[in-house]
Amino acid sequence: MQQGTPWWVTATLMAFTAILSNQLAVRRERAKAAADFMGGWRKRFSDAVASICDSASKHYSQADDVKNTHSSSCLINNNLKRIGSIRSEVEFVDSANAKRFRDAYHNLHYVITGSADFEDVNRNIRPPGDPIFESIRNSEEALMKASKAKLKPKDV
C-alpha cells in the first residue's frame, strides 16, 4: 500500500500554483501600466485645460490678442478640440460622472467662445474684474473636478 499524497495531486497543485502566480503577475503588470497611463493622462489633461484657460483670458484681456483676434480664436478653438481628443483616450467607469464631465466641458467651451465678441476684431479689452474671467476660472475648476472621477484607459 501507498502512504502519503499521490504524485498526481502534487503535480496538479504545482501546475495550479504556477498558473495562478502567472495570472496574478499579469494582472499586477496591467494595473501598474494603467495607473502609469492615468497619471500621465491627468497631467496632460490638466496642462491642456490650464493652457486653454490662460489663452482665453489673454484673448479677452491683452491688446496683442485683440489685434490678432482671428489667430487667437483659432488657437483657442483648436485647443478646445485637443482637450476633446485627450478626453477620448479614457472612459468613465460611471456614466453619471461621464455626463458631469461632458457638461463641464461644454460649459467651459460656451463660457470661452459663447461671448458675442469672441471673434470680433473690433472688440474692447475687458477690465480685470470682468465676470467672464471668473466664469472661465469656475468652469476650469468644474472641469478639473469632473476629471478626477474614476477613469480607465480605453484599451483596458
N, C-alpha and C. Protein backbone atom coordinates (compact mmCIF):
# COMPACT_ATOMS: atom_id res chain seq x y z
N MET A 1 0.81 -1.19 0.00
CA MET A 1 0.00 0.00 0.00
C MET A 1 0.85 1.24 0.00
N GLN A 2 0.28 2.28 -0.60
CA GLN A 2 0.98 3.56 -0.72
C GLN A 2 0.53 4.48 0.39
N GLN A 3 1.48 5.19 0.98
CA GLN A 3 1.15 6.15 2.02
C GLN A 3 1.51 7.54 1.55
N GLY A 4 0.81 8.60 2.08
CA GLY A 4 1.12 9.97 1.71
C GLY A 4 0.25 10.43 0.55
N THR A 5 0.60 11.56 0.01
CA THR A 5 -0.16 12.17 -1.07
C THR A 5 0.24 11.54 -2.40
N PRO A 6 -0.74 11.22 -3.23
CA PRO A 6 -0.41 10.65 -4.54
C PRO A 6 0.37 11.67 -5.39
N TRP A 7 1.19 11.18 -6.30
CA TRP A 7 2.04 12.04 -7.12
C TRP A 7 1.23 12.99 -8.00
N TRP A 8 0.08 12.55 -8.49
CA TRP A 8 -0.72 13.38 -9.38
C TRP A 8 -1.33 14.58 -8.67
N VAL A 9 -1.63 14.47 -7.38
CA VAL A 9 -2.16 15.59 -6.61
C VAL A 9 -1.07 16.65 -6.47
N THR A 10 0.13 16.22 -6.17
CA THR A 10 1.25 17.15 -6.03
C THR A 10 1.52 17.87 -7.36
N ALA A 11 1.52 17.14 -8.45
CA ALA A 11 1.77 17.74 -9.77
C ALA A 11 0.65 18.71 -10.14
N THR A 12 -0.58 18.35 -9.85
CA THR A 12 -1.71 19.23 -10.16
C THR A 12 -1.64 20.51 -9.34
N LEU A 13 -1.33 20.39 -8.06
CA LEU A 13 -1.21 21.58 -7.21
C LEU A 13 -0.06 22.48 -7.66
N MET A 14 1.03 21.89 -8.09
CA MET A 14 2.16 22.70 -8.58
C MET A 14 1.78 23.43 -9.87
N ALA A 15 1.09 22.76 -10.77
CA ALA A 15 0.66 23.39 -12.01
C ALA A 15 -0.35 24.50 -11.73
N PHE A 16 -1.29 24.24 -10.86
CA PHE A 16 -2.28 25.25 -10.50
C PHE A 16 -1.62 26.47 -9.86
N THR A 17 -0.64 26.24 -8.99
CA THR A 17 0.08 27.33 -8.34
C THR A 17 0.84 28.16 -9.37
N ALA A 18 1.47 27.51 -10.33
CA ALA A 18 2.21 28.23 -11.37
C ALA A 18 1.26 29.07 -12.23
N ILE A 19 0.14 28.51 -12.61
CA ILE A 19 -0.84 29.24 -13.43
C ILE A 19 -1.40 30.43 -12.65
N LEU A 20 -1.76 30.23 -11.41
CA LEU A 20 -2.30 31.29 -10.58
C LEU A 20 -1.27 32.41 -10.37
N SER A 21 -0.04 32.03 -10.11
CA SER A 21 1.02 33.01 -9.92
C SER A 21 1.22 33.84 -11.19
N ASN A 22 1.19 33.20 -12.33
CA ASN A 22 1.35 33.89 -13.61
C ASN A 22 0.20 34.87 -13.84
N GLN A 23 -1.02 34.43 -13.58
CA GLN A 23 -2.18 35.29 -13.78
C GLN A 23 -2.14 36.51 -12.85
N LEU A 24 -1.73 36.33 -11.62
CA LEU A 24 -1.61 37.44 -10.69
C LEU A 24 -0.53 38.42 -11.13
N ALA A 25 0.58 37.91 -11.64
CA ALA A 25 1.65 38.79 -12.12
C ALA A 25 1.18 39.59 -13.33
N VAL A 26 0.44 38.97 -14.23
CA VAL A 26 -0.08 39.68 -15.41
C VAL A 26 -1.06 40.77 -14.98
N ARG A 27 -1.95 40.45 -14.05
CA ARG A 27 -2.89 41.46 -13.55
C ARG A 27 -2.18 42.63 -12.90
N ARG A 28 -1.16 42.32 -12.10
CA ARG A 28 -0.40 43.36 -11.42
C ARG A 28 0.30 44.27 -12.43
N GLU A 29 0.88 43.69 -13.48
CA GLU A 29 1.54 44.48 -14.52
C GLU A 29 0.54 45.36 -15.27
N ARG A 30 -0.63 44.81 -15.58
CA ARG A 30 -1.66 45.60 -16.26
C ARG A 30 -2.15 46.75 -15.40
N ALA A 31 -2.35 46.48 -14.11
CA ALA A 31 -2.81 47.54 -13.20
C ALA A 31 -1.75 48.63 -13.08
N LYS A 32 -0.49 48.26 -13.03
CA LYS A 32 0.57 49.26 -12.94
C LYS A 32 0.65 50.07 -14.23
N ALA A 33 0.54 49.41 -15.37
CA ALA A 33 0.58 50.12 -16.66
C ALA A 33 -0.61 51.09 -16.76
N ALA A 34 -1.79 50.65 -16.32
CA ALA A 34 -2.97 51.52 -16.36
C ALA A 34 -2.80 52.71 -15.41
N ALA A 35 -2.24 52.47 -14.23
CA ALA A 35 -2.02 53.56 -13.28
C ALA A 35 -0.99 54.56 -13.82
N ASP A 36 0.07 54.05 -14.43
CA ASP A 36 1.06 54.95 -15.05
C ASP A 36 0.45 55.77 -16.17
N PHE A 37 -0.36 55.11 -17.01
CA PHE A 37 -1.01 55.82 -18.11
C PHE A 37 -1.94 56.91 -17.57
N MET A 38 -2.72 56.57 -16.54
CA MET A 38 -3.67 57.54 -16.00
C MET A 38 -2.96 58.72 -15.35
N GLY A 39 -1.83 58.48 -14.72
CA GLY A 39 -1.05 59.58 -14.15
C GLY A 39 -0.58 60.53 -15.23
N GLY A 40 -0.07 59.98 -16.32
CA GLY A 40 0.36 60.81 -17.45
C GLY A 40 -0.82 61.51 -18.12
N TRP A 41 -1.93 60.81 -18.22
CA TRP A 41 -3.12 61.39 -18.84
C TRP A 41 -3.62 62.58 -18.03
N ARG A 42 -3.70 62.40 -16.72
CA ARG A 42 -4.19 63.50 -15.87
C ARG A 42 -3.29 64.72 -15.98
N LYS A 43 -1.98 64.51 -16.06
CA LYS A 43 -1.03 65.63 -16.20
C LYS A 43 -1.25 66.32 -17.55
N ARG A 44 -1.35 65.55 -18.63
CA ARG A 44 -1.58 66.14 -19.96
C ARG A 44 -2.90 66.89 -20.00
N PHE A 45 -3.93 66.30 -19.41
CA PHE A 45 -5.24 66.92 -19.42
C PHE A 45 -5.24 68.22 -18.63
N SER A 46 -4.68 68.20 -17.43
CA SER A 46 -4.68 69.42 -16.61
C SER A 46 -3.83 70.51 -17.25
N ASP A 47 -2.72 70.13 -17.89
CA ASP A 47 -1.90 71.12 -18.60
C ASP A 47 -2.67 71.74 -19.77
N ALA A 48 -3.41 70.91 -20.50
CA ALA A 48 -4.19 71.41 -21.64
C ALA A 48 -5.31 72.34 -21.18
N VAL A 49 -5.98 71.98 -20.11
CA VAL A 49 -7.07 72.83 -19.60
C VAL A 49 -6.52 74.16 -19.10
N ALA A 50 -5.41 74.10 -18.36
CA ALA A 50 -4.79 75.34 -17.87
C ALA A 50 -4.35 76.22 -19.03
N SER A 51 -3.78 75.60 -20.05
CA SER A 51 -3.32 76.35 -21.22
C SER A 51 -4.48 77.04 -21.94
N ILE A 52 -5.58 76.32 -22.13
CA ILE A 52 -6.72 76.90 -22.83
C ILE A 52 -7.34 78.02 -22.02
N CYS A 53 -7.40 77.88 -20.72
CA CYS A 53 -7.98 78.94 -19.89
C CYS A 53 -7.07 80.17 -19.86
N ASP A 54 -5.76 79.95 -19.83
CA ASP A 54 -4.83 81.08 -19.91
C ASP A 54 -4.96 81.79 -21.25
N SER A 55 -5.04 81.01 -22.32
CA SER A 55 -5.20 81.60 -23.66
C SER A 55 -6.50 82.39 -23.76
N ALA A 56 -7.56 81.85 -23.18
CA ALA A 56 -8.85 82.53 -23.23
C ALA A 56 -8.80 83.84 -22.45
N SER A 57 -8.16 83.82 -21.29
CA SER A 57 -8.05 85.05 -20.50
C SER A 57 -7.23 86.10 -21.25
N LYS A 58 -6.16 85.66 -21.88
CA LYS A 58 -5.35 86.60 -22.68
C LYS A 58 -6.14 87.12 -23.88
N HIS A 59 -6.93 86.24 -24.46
CA HIS A 59 -7.73 86.62 -25.63
C HIS A 59 -8.64 87.81 -25.33
N TYR A 60 -9.18 87.82 -24.13
CA TYR A 60 -10.11 88.88 -23.75
C TYR A 60 -9.43 90.08 -23.09
N SER A 61 -8.17 89.93 -22.66
CA SER A 61 -7.58 91.00 -21.85
C SER A 61 -6.33 91.65 -22.42
N GLN A 62 -5.70 91.08 -23.43
CA GLN A 62 -4.45 91.65 -23.93
C GLN A 62 -4.62 92.25 -25.31
N ALA A 63 -4.00 93.40 -25.49
CA ALA A 63 -4.14 94.15 -26.75
C ALA A 63 -3.61 93.37 -27.95
N ASP A 64 -2.53 92.62 -27.78
CA ASP A 64 -1.98 91.84 -28.90
C ASP A 64 -2.97 90.80 -29.39
N ASP A 65 -3.67 90.15 -28.45
CA ASP A 65 -4.65 89.15 -28.85
C ASP A 65 -5.88 89.79 -29.47
N VAL A 66 -6.21 91.00 -29.05
CA VAL A 66 -7.32 91.70 -29.69
C VAL A 66 -6.95 92.05 -31.12
N LYS A 67 -5.70 92.48 -31.32
CA LYS A 67 -5.24 92.81 -32.65
C LYS A 67 -5.22 91.57 -33.56
N ASN A 68 -4.88 90.44 -32.99
CA ASN A 68 -4.80 89.18 -33.74
C ASN A 68 -5.97 88.26 -33.37
N THR A 69 -7.15 88.81 -33.37
CA THR A 69 -8.33 88.06 -32.92
C THR A 69 -8.53 86.78 -33.70
N HIS A 70 -8.35 86.82 -35.00
CA HIS A 70 -8.59 85.62 -35.81
C HIS A 70 -7.66 84.48 -35.39
N SER A 71 -6.37 84.74 -35.30
CA SER A 71 -5.44 83.67 -34.93
C SER A 71 -5.64 83.24 -33.48
N SER A 72 -5.94 84.19 -32.61
CA SER A 72 -6.17 83.86 -31.21
C SER A 72 -7.41 82.97 -31.05
N SER A 73 -8.48 83.30 -31.73
CA SER A 73 -9.70 82.50 -31.62
C SER A 73 -9.51 81.12 -32.25
N CYS A 74 -8.76 81.05 -33.34
CA CYS A 74 -8.47 79.74 -33.96
C CYS A 74 -7.65 78.86 -33.02
N LEU A 75 -6.67 79.46 -32.36
CA LEU A 75 -5.84 78.71 -31.40
C LEU A 75 -6.70 78.19 -30.25
N ILE A 76 -7.59 79.02 -29.76
CA ILE A 76 -8.46 78.59 -28.66
C ILE A 76 -9.37 77.45 -29.11
N ASN A 77 -9.98 77.58 -30.27
CA ASN A 77 -10.85 76.51 -30.77
C ASN A 77 -10.08 75.21 -30.99
N ASN A 78 -8.86 75.30 -31.52
CA ASN A 78 -8.04 74.09 -31.72
C ASN A 78 -7.68 73.45 -30.39
N ASN A 79 -7.36 74.28 -29.40
CA ASN A 79 -7.03 73.73 -28.08
C ASN A 79 -8.25 73.09 -27.42
N LEU A 80 -9.43 73.64 -27.65
CA LEU A 80 -10.65 73.01 -27.13
C LEU A 80 -10.86 71.64 -27.77
N LYS A 81 -10.58 71.54 -29.06
CA LYS A 81 -10.68 70.24 -29.74
C LYS A 81 -9.64 69.27 -29.20
N ARG A 82 -8.45 69.79 -28.89
CA ARG A 82 -7.40 68.95 -28.34
C ARG A 82 -7.82 68.37 -26.99
N ILE A 83 -8.49 69.18 -26.18
CA ILE A 83 -8.99 68.67 -24.90
C ILE A 83 -9.95 67.51 -25.16
N GLY A 84 -10.80 67.66 -26.17
CA GLY A 84 -11.73 66.58 -26.52
C GLY A 84 -11.00 65.31 -26.96
N SER A 85 -9.91 65.46 -27.71
CA SER A 85 -9.18 64.27 -28.15
C SER A 85 -8.42 63.63 -27.00
N ILE A 86 -7.91 64.44 -26.07
CA ILE A 86 -7.26 63.87 -24.90
C ILE A 86 -8.29 63.11 -24.06
N ARG A 87 -9.47 63.66 -23.95
CA ARG A 87 -10.55 63.02 -23.20
C ARG A 87 -10.92 61.67 -23.82
N SER A 88 -10.84 61.57 -25.13
CA SER A 88 -11.26 60.33 -25.80
C SER A 88 -10.31 59.16 -25.54
N GLU A 89 -9.18 59.39 -24.89
CA GLU A 89 -8.24 58.31 -24.58
C GLU A 89 -8.68 57.48 -23.38
N VAL A 90 -9.65 57.98 -22.63
CA VAL A 90 -10.11 57.28 -21.43
C VAL A 90 -11.62 57.13 -21.45
N GLU A 91 -12.11 56.29 -20.56
CA GLU A 91 -13.56 56.18 -20.41
C GLU A 91 -13.90 56.19 -18.93
N PHE A 92 -15.07 56.68 -18.64
CA PHE A 92 -15.53 56.77 -17.26
C PHE A 92 -16.11 55.44 -16.84
N VAL A 93 -15.89 55.08 -15.58
CA VAL A 93 -16.44 53.84 -15.05
C VAL A 93 -17.94 54.03 -14.78
N ASP A 94 -18.33 55.23 -14.38
CA ASP A 94 -19.72 55.53 -14.05
C ASP A 94 -20.27 56.53 -15.07
N SER A 95 -21.42 56.25 -15.62
CA SER A 95 -21.99 57.12 -16.66
C SER A 95 -22.41 58.47 -16.11
N ALA A 96 -22.76 58.56 -14.84
CA ALA A 96 -23.13 59.85 -14.25
C ALA A 96 -21.92 60.78 -14.23
N ASN A 97 -20.73 60.22 -13.96
CA ASN A 97 -19.51 61.03 -13.99
C ASN A 97 -19.18 61.48 -15.41
N ALA A 98 -19.47 60.63 -16.38
CA ALA A 98 -19.24 60.99 -17.78
C ALA A 98 -20.13 62.17 -18.17
N LYS A 99 -21.37 62.15 -17.72
CA LYS A 99 -22.28 63.26 -18.02
C LYS A 99 -21.80 64.53 -17.32
N ARG A 100 -21.37 64.42 -16.07
CA ARG A 100 -20.86 65.58 -15.34
C ARG A 100 -19.66 66.18 -16.08
N PHE A 101 -18.77 65.32 -16.56
CA PHE A 101 -17.60 65.79 -17.30
C PHE A 101 -18.02 66.47 -18.60
N ARG A 102 -18.90 65.83 -19.34
CA ARG A 102 -19.37 66.38 -20.62
C ARG A 102 -20.03 67.74 -20.42
N ASP A 103 -20.85 67.86 -19.39
CA ASP A 103 -21.50 69.13 -19.10
C ASP A 103 -20.47 70.21 -18.73
N ALA A 104 -19.47 69.85 -17.93
CA ALA A 104 -18.44 70.81 -17.54
C ALA A 104 -17.61 71.24 -18.74
N TYR A 105 -17.31 70.30 -19.64
CA TYR A 105 -16.56 70.63 -20.86
C TYR A 105 -17.36 71.58 -21.74
N HIS A 106 -18.64 71.27 -21.96
CA HIS A 106 -19.47 72.13 -22.80
C HIS A 106 -19.66 73.51 -22.17
N ASN A 107 -19.74 73.56 -20.86
CA ASN A 107 -19.86 74.84 -20.17
C ASN A 107 -18.60 75.67 -20.38
N LEU A 108 -17.43 75.05 -20.23
CA LEU A 108 -16.17 75.77 -20.46
C LEU A 108 -16.11 76.27 -21.90
N HIS A 109 -16.47 75.42 -22.83
CA HIS A 109 -16.48 75.80 -24.25
C HIS A 109 -17.40 77.00 -24.47
N TYR A 110 -18.58 76.95 -23.89
CA TYR A 110 -19.54 78.04 -24.07
C TYR A 110 -19.06 79.33 -23.41
N VAL A 111 -18.50 79.23 -22.21
CA VAL A 111 -18.04 80.42 -21.50
C VAL A 111 -16.94 81.12 -22.30
N ILE A 112 -16.05 80.32 -22.90
CA ILE A 112 -14.93 80.91 -23.64
C ILE A 112 -15.38 81.42 -25.00
N THR A 113 -16.12 80.64 -25.75
CA THR A 113 -16.43 81.01 -27.14
C THR A 113 -17.83 81.58 -27.32
N GLY A 114 -18.66 81.54 -26.28
CA GLY A 114 -20.05 81.96 -26.44
C GLY A 114 -20.27 83.46 -26.40
N SER A 115 -19.25 84.20 -26.03
CA SER A 115 -19.40 85.65 -25.97
C SER A 115 -19.61 86.22 -27.37
N ALA A 116 -20.45 87.24 -27.45
CA ALA A 116 -20.76 87.84 -28.76
C ALA A 116 -19.52 88.43 -29.44
N ASP A 117 -18.54 88.84 -28.65
CA ASP A 117 -17.35 89.47 -29.25
C ASP A 117 -16.15 88.52 -29.32
N PHE A 118 -16.38 87.22 -29.23
CA PHE A 118 -15.27 86.26 -29.25
C PHE A 118 -14.43 86.40 -30.52
N GLU A 119 -15.05 86.51 -31.66
CA GLU A 119 -14.31 86.63 -32.92
C GLU A 119 -14.42 88.02 -33.53
N ASP A 120 -14.82 88.98 -32.75
CA ASP A 120 -14.97 90.36 -33.23
C ASP A 120 -13.62 91.08 -33.17
N VAL A 121 -13.12 91.51 -34.32
CA VAL A 121 -11.81 92.19 -34.37
C VAL A 121 -11.89 93.61 -33.81
N ASN A 122 -13.07 94.13 -33.63
CA ASN A 122 -13.23 95.49 -33.10
C ASN A 122 -13.63 95.49 -31.63
N ARG A 123 -13.41 94.40 -30.95
CA ARG A 123 -13.82 94.31 -29.55
C ARG A 123 -12.89 95.12 -28.65
N ASN A 124 -13.38 95.44 -27.49
CA ASN A 124 -12.59 96.18 -26.49
C ASN A 124 -11.92 95.20 -25.54
N ILE A 125 -10.82 95.63 -24.97
CA ILE A 125 -10.16 94.84 -23.94
C ILE A 125 -11.04 94.85 -22.70
N ARG A 126 -11.18 93.69 -22.09
CA ARG A 126 -12.03 93.59 -20.89
C ARG A 126 -11.21 93.96 -19.66
N PRO A 127 -11.82 94.66 -18.72
CA PRO A 127 -11.10 95.01 -17.49
C PRO A 127 -10.87 93.78 -16.61
N PRO A 128 -9.89 93.83 -15.71
CA PRO A 128 -9.56 92.66 -14.87
C PRO A 128 -10.75 92.12 -14.06
N GLY A 129 -11.69 92.94 -13.68
CA GLY A 129 -12.82 92.46 -12.87
C GLY A 129 -14.00 91.97 -13.68
N ASP A 130 -13.84 91.84 -14.98
CA ASP A 130 -14.95 91.41 -15.84
C ASP A 130 -15.43 90.01 -15.42
N PRO A 131 -16.74 89.79 -15.40
CA PRO A 131 -17.28 88.49 -14.97
C PRO A 131 -16.82 87.30 -15.82
N ILE A 132 -16.41 87.54 -17.05
CA ILE A 132 -16.01 86.40 -17.89
C ILE A 132 -14.79 85.70 -17.33
N PHE A 133 -13.89 86.43 -16.67
CA PHE A 133 -12.69 85.81 -16.11
C PHE A 133 -13.04 84.89 -14.95
N GLU A 134 -13.98 85.31 -14.12
CA GLU A 134 -14.43 84.44 -13.03
C GLU A 134 -15.17 83.24 -13.59
N SER A 135 -15.95 83.43 -14.63
CA SER A 135 -16.66 82.31 -15.26
C SER A 135 -15.68 81.30 -15.84
N ILE A 136 -14.62 81.79 -16.46
CA ILE A 136 -13.61 80.88 -17.01
C ILE A 136 -12.96 80.08 -15.88
N ARG A 137 -12.59 80.76 -14.80
CA ARG A 137 -11.97 80.08 -13.65
C ARG A 137 -12.92 79.04 -13.06
N ASN A 138 -14.17 79.40 -12.87
CA ASN A 138 -15.15 78.47 -12.29
C ASN A 138 -15.37 77.26 -13.20
N SER A 139 -15.43 77.51 -14.50
CA SER A 139 -15.61 76.41 -15.45
C SER A 139 -14.39 75.50 -15.48
N GLU A 140 -13.21 76.10 -15.37
CA GLU A 140 -11.98 75.30 -15.32
C GLU A 140 -11.98 74.41 -14.09
N GLU A 141 -12.34 74.96 -12.94
CA GLU A 141 -12.38 74.18 -11.70
C GLU A 141 -13.41 73.05 -11.80
N ALA A 142 -14.56 73.34 -12.37
CA ALA A 142 -15.59 72.30 -12.51
C ALA A 142 -15.12 71.17 -13.42
N LEU A 143 -14.43 71.53 -14.52
CA LEU A 143 -13.93 70.50 -15.44
C LEU A 143 -12.83 69.67 -14.77
N MET A 144 -11.95 70.33 -14.05
CA MET A 144 -10.88 69.59 -13.37
C MET A 144 -11.47 68.67 -12.29
N LYS A 145 -12.48 69.14 -11.59
CA LYS A 145 -13.13 68.31 -10.57
C LYS A 145 -13.81 67.10 -11.23
N ALA A 146 -14.46 67.33 -12.37
CA ALA A 146 -15.13 66.24 -13.07
C ALA A 146 -14.12 65.22 -13.62
N SER A 147 -12.91 65.68 -13.94
CA SER A 147 -11.91 64.77 -14.50
C SER A 147 -11.26 63.89 -13.42
N LYS A 148 -11.54 64.16 -12.16
CA LYS A 148 -10.96 63.37 -11.07
C LYS A 148 -11.80 62.13 -10.75
N ALA A 149 -12.87 61.93 -11.49
CA ALA A 149 -13.71 60.75 -11.27
C ALA A 149 -12.93 59.50 -11.67
N LYS A 150 -13.48 58.35 -11.33
CA LYS A 150 -12.82 57.08 -11.64
C LYS A 150 -12.84 56.87 -13.16
N LEU A 151 -11.64 56.76 -13.72
CA LEU A 151 -11.46 56.58 -15.16
C LEU A 151 -10.63 55.35 -15.43
N LYS A 152 -10.66 54.89 -16.67
CA LYS A 152 -9.76 53.81 -17.06
C LYS A 152 -9.37 54.04 -18.52
N PRO A 153 -8.18 53.57 -18.90
CA PRO A 153 -7.77 53.69 -20.31
C PRO A 153 -8.74 52.93 -21.19
N LYS A 154 -8.95 53.42 -22.41
CA LYS A 154 -9.93 52.78 -23.30
C LYS A 154 -9.56 51.37 -23.71
N ASP A 155 -8.28 51.07 -23.81
CA ASP A 155 -7.88 49.76 -24.30
C ASP A 155 -7.81 48.69 -23.21
N VAL A 156 -8.11 49.05 -21.96
CA VAL A 156 -8.05 48.06 -20.88
C VAL A 156 -9.43 47.50 -20.61
